[in-house]
């Protein structure tokens, strides 16, 4: 079963509807064009008597009629299809057609299985005959989500990946057969469905969301991209092999029996379709026509060069660097996220209005113990620092040099806090080297750390990357704190003891309920939305909290960890994005104060009442169930592993 999309099932439904409508509109347009098209005759074909052709899925439909045309031209054809009914159908058709003995040979092939493709390729190589023609024809269309035994999404595997592998395996024999005057040829069967515009380089296996129309479109786009890249490589090395991508047309075939809407289209508009034999004539045209000799690397419809959609033409997308699957989908997701954020935001704000600040009764006594807080120079961070100092703790604050440091020193002077109660160390959580330097400076002090508050954060903002190449919100709000916790763990372990554990407080947000989490695109390379990225980073903090608690508990360590939403608090974060600025402008009078938000963080830091509630997420100082993605243990473990990989951490905090 596919993983549910982390952007929420509601927006998935919208995307599915959009794809369906787009398919109907474009298909109608293409079908009308097909209705008025004719089949281009094959004139003066290449002489390929007794040469070998290989075709996948040649047992029926277009494939079978292509086999017939090739045999009638004098070629010997190796047909790859499954054993059983497919093989029986092929042999029966060969017998009925009365072909010459030895003109058609069957070899078992299941294109969905890469082992089967390798066995098929090896069986052909063992024959030691040059291959003049390879037709990658086998395909499936609009099927429900299913993984092959290799773990690949089935349409992507059958329509593209298996043929990519087969072409690689047979290339030596194609090169051996080709000559300068008469190169060998590769025909990749694509489709006008590629124009539906679905292509997600960061999720080729459709793990985050599966749309059967989109998956088919993606596989056929991939065939065109493959055609273009392969042709460039062959041409640059002057190899005698030509490659073409061909749409055979709207054909009455078994592919249109897969879904109710394809059945409906076939039933109501099938009279405009071409026959399987006519579709095969278009494939044969590119197999044998001398007129297309110099048109290699192109995509064809009705035997004419057609410009495919932009994403296919983008060289970077063909080379596996495509950033987006189409701006239309991004705009659509943006709208879905804004609507969802507004609905959930006002819903949660209603409960925030009715909430009160839970008093901190009988706090843990931590006089003269050390606390570390990131971003403690202003806002909730500074208000938290003040309360901790008033409780008798010594606080190490990490924030940037310059205006941030000056603001901190000014606040300390105005607050008239005891000398030596606060120390500043330079820290920029967006830079992993800065995090390491900050941690090393603390380790060099050789003092136990009783409390770590990962507070620094950045609100929704335009896309930017840090000097390390990480998406900035993910780096500042989550990854930098993940690394800092790892580095300071020895001092936290040294401070913790039975009955009074050291604590880690990760400042998260109610925004995590947007529920967006994509393990395959943590850096938002394929799609970026400011609110989505912020939600993603805050959800990651909760997942980190839960996984870290499991590690600590399993090793019987006296360190507790908590994720806390401080509430709807007006801070500078609300000014970083137009929508959040708008929300505060009209509803900010309902927000809690900075001091009230800080009290919720301090409650998690010092309250005895939550000593046994480690690993949980808190709102209004109460345990709350977070978004579904954070409750999924598999998601949490994958995030942990990925985070360690990104930061080159082999043994987190020495806990493994």
Foldseek 3Di string as FASTA:
>chain_A
DFDEALLDVVLLVVVLVVLVVLCVVVVVVQLVVLLPFDFDAFPPWAQQAAAEEEEEPLLDFLNVLLLVVQLVSRYAYEYEEAPDPSVVSNVVVCVVVVGPPRSYHYDYADQLDLVRLVVVLVVVVVVVGAHQEYEYDDAAALAPFDAGPVRATRRLRNLAVSVVSNCVSRVVSQLVPFDPVRHREYEREAALLLQSQFEFLLCLRQRNHDHRSSNNSHNRLLSLLCQQVVQVVCVVVVGRYFYEYEHLWQEPDPNLVRDPVSVVCCVPPVVSGDYSSSSSSLVVSVRIHPVCVPVGSFYDDSNDGDDGDDCSVPNCVSVSQAQASDVVSQVSSLVVLLVVCVVVVVVVLVVLLVFDFDDFPPWAQQAAAEEEEEPLQDFLNVLLLVVCLVSRYAYEYEEAPDPSVVSNVVVCVVVVGDPRSYHYDYADQLDLVRLVVRLVVVVVVVAAHQEYEYDDAAAQADWDHGPLGATRRLRNLALSVQSNCLSNLVSQLVPFDPPRHREYEREAALLLQSSREDLSCLRSRHHDDRSNNNSHNRLLSLLQQQVVQVLCVVQVGRYFYEYEHLWQEDDCNQVRDPSSVVCCVVCVVSTDYSNSSSSLRVCRRIHPVCSVVGSFYDYSNDGDDGHPCSVDNVSSVSSVVVSCVSVVNDQRNVRD
